[in-house]
Amino acid sequence: MTSSFVSQVGRLLPEVGNAFPLPNMIQTDAVINPGNSGGILVNMQGKVIGMNTATINSQLGGSTSLGFAIPSKTLLREVPDIIKKGTYPHPWLGLSAITLTSDLNEAAGLKPNFRGIIVDSLAKDGPANKAGIHGRNIDEFLQVHGGDIITAF
């Protein structure tokens, strides 16, 4: 057993060998090494709050003490499908986006308090790409152009 701290919840674990980034992860300083992922993460009351899953390794090798756990609520939702069907169909848009700021709004000719996201890039043949969504482009003069703005789903 190792004592550790949860340093953040709701983290997006970047795409590293996965088909897509892992959302809503619990970040912890628990040391997670190959062979001990899949262990439980418990709170001070002994309740299971997640399953240790991944770590970000340093360039020098070894642990960086930056571990990630899948929240138990996610496991309760997904595991029954994995047991029954062998897989869980994750919703996926296939895009990366940037939250609009007053500076981006000004550059796009929008009101300063306009809210939404601007599509930055698309996964080739991903759902957003197939639906005709457009990402931002950089021209030969390194000027950024376009990118659809999404205000609601």
N, C-alpha and C. Protein backbone atom coordinates (compact mmCIF):
# COMPACT_ATOMS: atom_id res chain seq x y z
N MET A 1 0.85 -1.17 0.00
CA MET A 1 0.00 0.00 0.00
C MET A 1 0.90 1.24 0.00
N THR A 2 0.48 2.21 -0.76
CA THR A 2 1.22 3.46 -0.86
C THR A 2 0.32 4.62 -0.47
N SER A 3 0.84 5.56 0.27
CA SER A 3 0.10 6.77 0.61
C SER A 3 0.39 7.81 -0.46
N SER A 4 -0.66 8.48 -0.91
CA SER A 4 -0.45 9.50 -1.94
C SER A 4 -1.56 10.54 -1.85
N PHE A 5 -1.46 11.53 -2.71
CA PHE A 5 -2.44 12.61 -2.76
C PHE A 5 -3.10 12.64 -4.14
N VAL A 6 -4.37 13.01 -4.16
CA VAL A 6 -5.04 13.33 -5.42
C VAL A 6 -4.78 14.80 -5.66
N SER A 7 -4.13 15.11 -6.76
CA SER A 7 -3.78 16.50 -7.02
C SER A 7 -4.74 17.19 -7.98
N GLN A 8 -5.52 16.42 -8.74
CA GLN A 8 -6.49 17.04 -9.62
C GLN A 8 -7.48 15.98 -10.10
N VAL A 9 -8.71 16.39 -10.32
CA VAL A 9 -9.71 15.51 -10.91
C VAL A 9 -10.17 16.13 -12.23
N GLY A 10 -10.74 15.30 -13.08
CA GLY A 10 -11.23 15.81 -14.37
C GLY A 10 -10.13 16.06 -15.38
N ARG A 11 -8.95 15.45 -15.21
CA ARG A 11 -7.83 15.65 -16.13
C ARG A 11 -8.06 14.93 -17.44
N LEU A 12 -7.55 15.50 -18.51
CA LEU A 12 -7.57 14.86 -19.82
C LEU A 12 -6.19 14.26 -20.03
N LEU A 13 -6.12 12.93 -20.09
CA LEU A 13 -4.85 12.25 -20.34
C LEU A 13 -4.62 12.25 -21.84
N PRO A 14 -3.57 12.92 -22.31
CA PRO A 14 -3.35 13.04 -23.75
C PRO A 14 -3.24 11.69 -24.45
N GLU A 15 -3.46 11.73 -25.72
CA GLU A 15 -3.37 10.54 -26.57
C GLU A 15 -1.93 10.05 -26.61
N VAL A 16 -1.68 8.93 -25.95
CA VAL A 16 -0.36 8.32 -25.95
C VAL A 16 -0.56 6.82 -26.09
N GLY A 17 -0.52 6.33 -27.30
CA GLY A 17 -0.72 4.91 -27.54
C GLY A 17 -2.17 4.48 -27.45
N ASN A 18 -3.05 5.42 -27.19
CA ASN A 18 -4.48 5.12 -27.15
C ASN A 18 -5.11 5.54 -28.47
N ALA A 19 -6.32 5.07 -28.71
CA ALA A 19 -7.04 5.50 -29.90
C ALA A 19 -7.51 6.94 -29.74
N PHE A 20 -7.61 7.41 -28.51
CA PHE A 20 -8.09 8.75 -28.23
C PHE A 20 -7.64 9.14 -26.83
N PRO A 21 -7.68 10.44 -26.50
CA PRO A 21 -7.32 10.87 -25.15
C PRO A 21 -8.32 10.30 -24.13
N LEU A 22 -7.89 10.14 -22.91
CA LEU A 22 -8.76 9.64 -21.85
C LEU A 22 -9.24 10.82 -21.00
N PRO A 23 -10.56 11.08 -21.00
CA PRO A 23 -11.08 12.23 -20.26
C PRO A 23 -11.39 11.89 -18.81
N ASN A 24 -11.57 12.93 -18.00
CA ASN A 24 -12.08 12.83 -16.64
C ASN A 24 -11.25 11.92 -15.73
N MET A 25 -9.95 11.92 -15.90
CA MET A 25 -9.07 11.07 -15.10
C MET A 25 -8.76 11.75 -13.76
N ILE A 26 -8.39 10.92 -12.79
CA ILE A 26 -7.94 11.40 -11.48
C ILE A 26 -6.42 11.43 -11.52
N GLN A 27 -5.84 12.59 -11.24
CA GLN A 27 -4.38 12.70 -11.19
C GLN A 27 -3.92 12.50 -9.75
N THR A 28 -2.92 11.65 -9.59
CA THR A 28 -2.42 11.34 -8.25
C THR A 28 -0.89 11.28 -8.28
N ASP A 29 -0.28 11.41 -7.13
CA ASP A 29 1.17 11.24 -7.07
C ASP A 29 1.54 9.82 -6.68
N ALA A 30 0.56 8.91 -6.67
CA ALA A 30 0.86 7.50 -6.42
C ALA A 30 1.76 6.98 -7.52
N VAL A 31 2.77 6.22 -7.14
CA VAL A 31 3.69 5.66 -8.12
C VAL A 31 3.01 4.50 -8.81
N ILE A 32 2.87 4.60 -10.13
CA ILE A 32 2.26 3.54 -10.93
C ILE A 32 3.32 3.06 -11.91
N ASN A 33 3.68 1.79 -11.78
CA ASN A 33 4.70 1.19 -12.63
C ASN A 33 4.08 0.09 -13.47
N PRO A 34 4.77 -0.30 -14.57
CA PRO A 34 4.27 -1.45 -15.32
C PRO A 34 4.13 -2.64 -14.38
N GLY A 35 2.97 -3.27 -14.42
CA GLY A 35 2.73 -4.42 -13.56
C GLY A 35 1.84 -4.11 -12.37
N ASN A 36 1.76 -2.84 -11.95
CA ASN A 36 0.85 -2.56 -10.84
C ASN A 36 -0.30 -1.64 -11.24
N SER A 37 -0.44 -1.34 -12.53
CA SER A 37 -1.63 -0.62 -12.94
C SER A 37 -2.81 -1.57 -12.79
N GLY A 38 -3.99 -1.03 -12.60
CA GLY A 38 -5.15 -1.86 -12.33
C GLY A 38 -5.45 -1.99 -10.86
N GLY A 39 -4.55 -1.50 -10.03
CA GLY A 39 -4.80 -1.50 -8.59
C GLY A 39 -5.80 -0.42 -8.23
N ILE A 40 -6.38 -0.53 -7.04
CA ILE A 40 -7.41 0.42 -6.65
C ILE A 40 -6.80 1.67 -6.02
N LEU A 41 -7.52 2.77 -6.18
CA LEU A 41 -7.20 4.04 -5.53
C LEU A 41 -8.32 4.27 -4.53
N VAL A 42 -7.97 4.39 -3.25
CA VAL A 42 -9.00 4.54 -2.21
C VAL A 42 -8.83 5.88 -1.52
N ASN A 43 -9.94 6.38 -0.93
CA ASN A 43 -9.87 7.62 -0.16
C ASN A 43 -9.59 7.30 1.31
N MET A 44 -9.57 8.30 2.14
CA MET A 44 -9.23 8.12 3.56
C MET A 44 -10.25 7.26 4.30
N GLN A 45 -11.46 7.14 3.76
CA GLN A 45 -12.49 6.31 4.39
C GLN A 45 -12.45 4.87 3.87
N GLY A 46 -11.50 4.57 2.99
CA GLY A 46 -11.37 3.23 2.44
C GLY A 46 -12.29 2.93 1.27
N LYS A 47 -12.97 3.95 0.75
CA LYS A 47 -13.86 3.76 -0.39
C LYS A 47 -13.05 3.80 -1.68
N VAL A 48 -13.37 2.89 -2.60
CA VAL A 48 -12.68 2.87 -3.90
C VAL A 48 -13.15 4.07 -4.71
N ILE A 49 -12.20 4.89 -5.13
CA ILE A 49 -12.54 6.06 -5.94
C ILE A 49 -12.02 5.94 -7.37
N GLY A 50 -11.17 4.94 -7.63
CA GLY A 50 -10.67 4.77 -8.99
C GLY A 50 -9.77 3.57 -9.14
N MET A 51 -9.36 3.34 -10.39
CA MET A 51 -8.43 2.26 -10.72
C MET A 51 -7.19 2.88 -11.36
N ASN A 52 -6.03 2.66 -10.73
CA ASN A 52 -4.78 3.18 -11.25
C ASN A 52 -4.53 2.60 -12.65
N THR A 53 -4.20 3.49 -13.58
CA THR A 53 -4.19 3.08 -14.98
C THR A 53 -2.94 3.48 -15.74
N ALA A 54 -2.45 4.68 -15.53
CA ALA A 54 -1.38 5.18 -16.39
C ALA A 54 -0.45 6.10 -15.61
N THR A 55 0.71 6.33 -16.18
CA THR A 55 1.67 7.27 -15.63
C THR A 55 2.34 8.00 -16.78
N ILE A 56 2.83 9.17 -16.51
CA ILE A 56 3.62 9.88 -17.50
C ILE A 56 5.07 9.68 -17.11
N ASN A 57 5.83 9.05 -17.97
CA ASN A 57 7.23 8.75 -17.68
C ASN A 57 8.13 9.91 -18.09
N SER A 58 9.20 10.06 -17.35
CA SER A 58 10.17 11.09 -17.68
C SER A 58 11.03 10.61 -18.85
N GLN A 59 11.71 11.54 -19.50
CA GLN A 59 12.61 11.21 -20.60
C GLN A 59 13.80 10.39 -20.11
N LEU A 60 14.09 10.48 -18.82
CA LEU A 60 15.23 9.77 -18.25
C LEU A 60 14.87 8.37 -17.78
N GLY A 61 13.59 8.03 -17.88
CA GLY A 61 13.14 6.71 -17.41
C GLY A 61 12.70 6.80 -15.97
N GLY A 62 11.96 5.81 -15.53
CA GLY A 62 11.50 5.80 -14.15
C GLY A 62 10.24 6.60 -13.97
N SER A 63 9.77 6.65 -12.76
CA SER A 63 8.51 7.29 -12.45
C SER A 63 8.69 8.78 -12.27
N THR A 64 7.68 9.54 -12.65
CA THR A 64 7.67 10.98 -12.41
C THR A 64 6.72 11.31 -11.29
N SER A 65 6.13 10.27 -10.67
CA SER A 65 5.13 10.45 -9.62
C SER A 65 3.93 11.23 -10.13
N LEU A 66 3.57 11.01 -11.39
CA LEU A 66 2.40 11.62 -11.97
C LEU A 66 1.56 10.48 -12.54
N GLY A 67 0.64 9.99 -11.70
CA GLY A 67 -0.17 8.85 -12.08
C GLY A 67 -1.60 9.26 -12.37
N PHE A 68 -2.32 8.39 -13.07
CA PHE A 68 -3.70 8.67 -13.43
C PHE A 68 -4.56 7.46 -13.15
N ALA A 69 -5.77 7.70 -12.64
CA ALA A 69 -6.71 6.64 -12.33
C ALA A 69 -8.04 6.92 -13.01
N ILE A 70 -8.71 5.85 -13.42
CA ILE A 70 -10.05 5.96 -13.98
C ILE A 70 -11.02 6.07 -12.80
N PRO A 71 -11.89 7.08 -12.77
CA PRO A 71 -12.83 7.21 -11.66
C PRO A 71 -13.76 6.01 -11.54
N SER A 72 -14.13 5.65 -10.31
CA SER A 72 -14.98 4.48 -10.09
C SER A 72 -16.34 4.65 -10.76
N LYS A 73 -16.86 5.87 -10.86
CA LYS A 73 -18.14 6.09 -11.55
C LYS A 73 -18.03 5.71 -13.02
N THR A 74 -16.90 5.98 -13.63
CA THR A 74 -16.68 5.59 -15.02
C THR A 74 -16.63 4.07 -15.14
N LEU A 75 -15.93 3.44 -14.21
CA LEU A 75 -15.83 1.98 -14.22
C LEU A 75 -17.20 1.33 -14.07
N LEU A 76 -18.02 1.85 -13.16
CA LEU A 76 -19.36 1.28 -12.95
C LEU A 76 -20.22 1.39 -14.21
N ARG A 77 -20.01 2.43 -15.00
CA ARG A 77 -20.77 2.63 -16.23
C ARG A 77 -20.25 1.76 -17.37
N GLU A 78 -18.93 1.60 -17.48
CA GLU A 78 -18.34 0.97 -18.65
C GLU A 78 -18.06 -0.53 -18.50
N VAL A 79 -17.69 -0.97 -17.32
CA VAL A 79 -17.29 -2.37 -17.13
C VAL A 79 -18.39 -3.37 -17.49
N PRO A 80 -19.67 -3.13 -17.14
CA PRO A 80 -20.69 -4.11 -17.54
C PRO A 80 -20.73 -4.34 -19.06
N ASP A 81 -20.58 -3.29 -19.86
CA ASP A 81 -20.53 -3.45 -21.32
C ASP A 81 -19.28 -4.21 -21.76
N ILE A 82 -18.16 -3.93 -21.11
CA ILE A 82 -16.92 -4.62 -21.47
C ILE A 82 -17.06 -6.12 -21.17
N ILE A 83 -17.67 -6.46 -20.04
CA ILE A 83 -17.88 -7.87 -19.70
C ILE A 83 -18.85 -8.52 -20.69
N LYS A 84 -19.94 -7.83 -20.99
CA LYS A 84 -20.98 -8.39 -21.85
C LYS A 84 -20.58 -8.44 -23.32
N LYS A 85 -19.99 -7.33 -23.83
CA LYS A 85 -19.73 -7.21 -25.27
C LYS A 85 -18.25 -7.26 -25.64
N GLY A 86 -17.39 -7.15 -24.64
CA GLY A 86 -15.96 -7.16 -24.90
C GLY A 86 -15.40 -5.80 -25.26
N THR A 87 -16.26 -4.78 -25.29
CA THR A 87 -15.82 -3.43 -25.64
C THR A 87 -16.80 -2.42 -25.09
N TYR A 88 -16.38 -1.16 -25.05
CA TYR A 88 -17.26 -0.06 -24.67
C TYR A 88 -17.14 1.02 -25.73
N PRO A 89 -18.24 1.41 -26.35
CA PRO A 89 -18.17 2.42 -27.42
C PRO A 89 -18.05 3.84 -26.85
N HIS A 90 -16.84 4.36 -26.86
CA HIS A 90 -16.62 5.72 -26.34
C HIS A 90 -17.09 6.76 -27.35
N PRO A 91 -17.84 7.76 -26.89
CA PRO A 91 -18.19 8.85 -27.79
C PRO A 91 -16.91 9.61 -28.16
N TRP A 92 -16.83 10.04 -29.41
CA TRP A 92 -15.59 10.67 -29.88
C TRP A 92 -15.92 11.60 -31.03
N LEU A 93 -15.48 12.85 -30.94
CA LEU A 93 -15.71 13.82 -32.01
C LEU A 93 -14.58 13.84 -33.02
N GLY A 94 -13.36 13.58 -32.55
CA GLY A 94 -12.22 13.62 -33.45
C GLY A 94 -11.77 15.03 -33.77
N LEU A 95 -11.80 15.90 -32.78
CA LEU A 95 -11.31 17.26 -33.00
C LEU A 95 -10.64 17.79 -31.74
N SER A 96 -9.79 18.77 -31.93
CA SER A 96 -9.26 19.53 -30.80
C SER A 96 -9.73 20.95 -30.99
N ALA A 97 -9.98 21.64 -29.90
CA ALA A 97 -10.54 22.98 -29.99
C ALA A 97 -9.93 23.89 -28.93
N ILE A 98 -10.14 25.17 -29.13
CA ILE A 98 -9.64 26.19 -28.21
C ILE A 98 -10.83 27.01 -27.74
N THR A 99 -10.93 27.24 -26.44
CA THR A 99 -12.00 28.08 -25.90
C THR A 99 -11.80 29.51 -26.38
N LEU A 100 -12.88 30.11 -26.85
CA LEU A 100 -12.80 31.50 -27.31
C LEU A 100 -12.49 32.43 -26.14
N THR A 101 -11.60 33.35 -26.38
CA THR A 101 -11.25 34.39 -25.42
C THR A 101 -11.60 35.73 -26.05
N SER A 102 -11.53 36.79 -25.28
CA SER A 102 -11.83 38.12 -25.83
C SER A 102 -10.88 38.46 -26.97
N ASP A 103 -9.60 38.05 -26.88
CA ASP A 103 -8.64 38.31 -27.96
C ASP A 103 -9.01 37.55 -29.24
N LEU A 104 -9.38 36.27 -29.09
CA LEU A 104 -9.79 35.50 -30.26
C LEU A 104 -11.08 36.05 -30.85
N ASN A 105 -12.00 36.46 -29.98
CA ASN A 105 -13.25 37.05 -30.46
C ASN A 105 -12.98 38.31 -31.27
N GLU A 106 -12.08 39.15 -30.77
CA GLU A 106 -11.74 40.39 -31.48
C GLU A 106 -11.14 40.07 -32.85
N ALA A 107 -10.22 39.11 -32.89
CA ALA A 107 -9.59 38.74 -34.16
C ALA A 107 -10.60 38.17 -35.16
N ALA A 108 -11.66 37.53 -34.65
CA ALA A 108 -12.67 36.94 -35.53
C ALA A 108 -13.83 37.89 -35.81
N GLY A 109 -13.76 39.10 -35.24
CA GLY A 109 -14.83 40.08 -35.46
C GLY A 109 -16.10 39.79 -34.67
N LEU A 110 -15.95 39.11 -33.53
CA LEU A 110 -17.09 38.76 -32.69
C LEU A 110 -17.15 39.70 -31.49
N LYS A 111 -18.31 39.72 -30.82
CA LYS A 111 -18.44 40.51 -29.60
C LYS A 111 -17.49 39.95 -28.54
N PRO A 112 -16.95 40.81 -27.66
CA PRO A 112 -15.96 40.36 -26.66
C PRO A 112 -16.45 39.24 -25.76
N ASN A 113 -17.75 39.20 -25.45
CA ASN A 113 -18.26 38.19 -24.53
C ASN A 113 -18.88 36.99 -25.25
N PHE A 114 -18.64 36.84 -26.55
CA PHE A 114 -19.16 35.70 -27.31
C PHE A 114 -18.55 34.43 -26.75
N ARG A 115 -19.38 33.38 -26.57
CA ARG A 115 -18.89 32.14 -25.95
C ARG A 115 -18.95 30.98 -26.93
N GLY A 116 -17.94 30.13 -26.88
CA GLY A 116 -17.89 28.95 -27.72
C GLY A 116 -16.46 28.44 -27.82
N ILE A 117 -16.25 27.54 -28.77
CA ILE A 117 -14.91 27.02 -29.04
C ILE A 117 -14.63 27.15 -30.53
N ILE A 118 -13.37 27.33 -30.85
CA ILE A 118 -12.96 27.36 -32.25
C ILE A 118 -12.23 26.05 -32.54
N VAL A 119 -12.64 25.39 -33.62
CA VAL A 119 -12.05 24.10 -33.97
C VAL A 119 -10.62 24.35 -34.45
N ASP A 120 -9.68 23.68 -33.81
CA ASP A 120 -8.27 23.85 -34.14
C ASP A 120 -7.83 22.82 -35.17
N SER A 121 -8.00 21.54 -34.87
CA SER A 121 -7.57 20.50 -35.79
C SER A 121 -8.54 19.33 -35.74
N LEU A 122 -8.48 18.50 -36.77
CA LEU A 122 -9.38 17.36 -36.90
C LEU A 122 -8.59 16.08 -37.06
N ALA A 123 -9.13 15.00 -36.52
CA ALA A 123 -8.55 13.68 -36.76
C ALA A 123 -8.99 13.23 -38.16
N LYS A 124 -8.02 12.78 -38.95
CA LYS A 124 -8.32 12.32 -40.31
C LYS A 124 -9.36 11.21 -40.24
N ASP A 125 -10.41 11.35 -41.02
CA ASP A 125 -11.51 10.39 -41.10
C ASP A 125 -12.28 10.23 -39.79
N GLY A 126 -12.12 11.18 -38.86
CA GLY A 126 -12.88 11.16 -37.62
C GLY A 126 -14.29 11.66 -37.85
N PRO A 127 -15.17 11.52 -36.86
CA PRO A 127 -16.56 11.93 -37.01
C PRO A 127 -16.73 13.41 -37.42
N ALA A 128 -15.99 14.32 -36.80
CA ALA A 128 -16.12 15.74 -37.14
C ALA A 128 -15.66 16.00 -38.57
N ASN A 129 -14.58 15.34 -38.98
CA ASN A 129 -14.08 15.49 -40.35
C ASN A 129 -15.11 14.99 -41.36
N LYS A 130 -15.69 13.85 -41.08
CA LYS A 130 -16.71 13.27 -41.97
C LYS A 130 -17.97 14.13 -42.03
N ALA A 131 -18.26 14.86 -40.94
CA ALA A 131 -19.44 15.71 -40.89
C ALA A 131 -19.22 17.06 -41.58
N GLY A 132 -17.99 17.33 -42.03
CA GLY A 132 -17.72 18.57 -42.74
C GLY A 132 -17.26 19.73 -41.87
N ILE A 133 -16.90 19.45 -40.62
CA ILE A 133 -16.37 20.50 -39.73
C ILE A 133 -14.99 20.90 -40.26
N HIS A 134 -14.66 22.19 -40.14
CA HIS A 134 -13.37 22.70 -40.61
C HIS A 134 -12.51 23.17 -39.45
N GLY A 135 -11.24 22.81 -39.46
CA GLY A 135 -10.29 23.28 -38.47
C GLY A 135 -9.56 24.51 -38.97
N ARG A 136 -8.72 25.06 -38.12
CA ARG A 136 -7.94 26.24 -38.51
C ARG A 136 -6.83 25.83 -39.47
N ASN A 137 -6.44 26.77 -40.33
CA ASN A 137 -5.35 26.54 -41.28
C ASN A 137 -4.29 27.61 -41.08
N ILE A 138 -3.05 27.24 -41.34
CA ILE A 138 -1.93 28.19 -41.29
C ILE A 138 -1.38 28.31 -42.69
N ASP A 139 -1.34 29.56 -43.20
CA ASP A 139 -0.87 29.76 -44.57
C ASP A 139 0.66 29.84 -44.61
N GLU A 140 1.19 30.08 -45.81
CA GLU A 140 2.65 30.10 -45.98
C GLU A 140 3.32 31.27 -45.25
N PHE A 141 2.51 32.27 -44.81
CA PHE A 141 3.05 33.41 -44.06
C PHE A 141 2.85 33.23 -42.56
N LEU A 142 2.47 32.00 -42.16
CA LEU A 142 2.24 31.63 -40.76
C LEU A 142 1.06 32.38 -40.14
N GLN A 143 0.12 32.81 -40.99
CA GLN A 143 -1.10 33.45 -40.51
C GLN A 143 -2.16 32.37 -40.31
N VAL A 144 -2.88 32.43 -39.18
CA VAL A 144 -3.91 31.45 -38.87
C VAL A 144 -5.24 31.93 -39.45
N HIS A 145 -5.95 31.01 -40.12
CA HIS A 145 -7.23 31.35 -40.74
C HIS A 145 -8.29 30.31 -40.40
N GLY A 146 -9.52 30.79 -40.32
CA GLY A 146 -10.68 29.92 -40.25
C GLY A 146 -10.81 29.13 -38.98
N GLY A 147 -11.45 28.02 -39.11
CA GLY A 147 -11.79 27.18 -37.98
C GLY A 147 -13.23 27.43 -37.61
N ASP A 148 -14.06 26.41 -37.74
CA ASP A 148 -15.48 26.57 -37.37
C ASP A 148 -15.59 26.90 -35.89
N ILE A 149 -16.61 27.65 -35.55
CA ILE A 149 -16.88 28.00 -34.16
C ILE A 149 -18.11 27.21 -33.72
N ILE A 150 -17.97 26.49 -32.63
CA ILE A 150 -19.07 25.69 -32.09
C ILE A 150 -19.59 26.39 -30.83
N THR A 151 -20.89 26.64 -30.81
CA THR A 151 -21.49 27.33 -29.67
C THR A 151 -22.38 26.43 -28.84
N ALA A 152 -22.80 25.29 -29.39
CA ALA A 152 -23.65 24.35 -28.64
C ALA A 152 -23.65 23.01 -29.34
N PHE A 153 -24.03 21.97 -28.60
CA PHE A 153 -24.21 20.63 -29.17
C PHE A 153 -25.69 20.35 -29.22
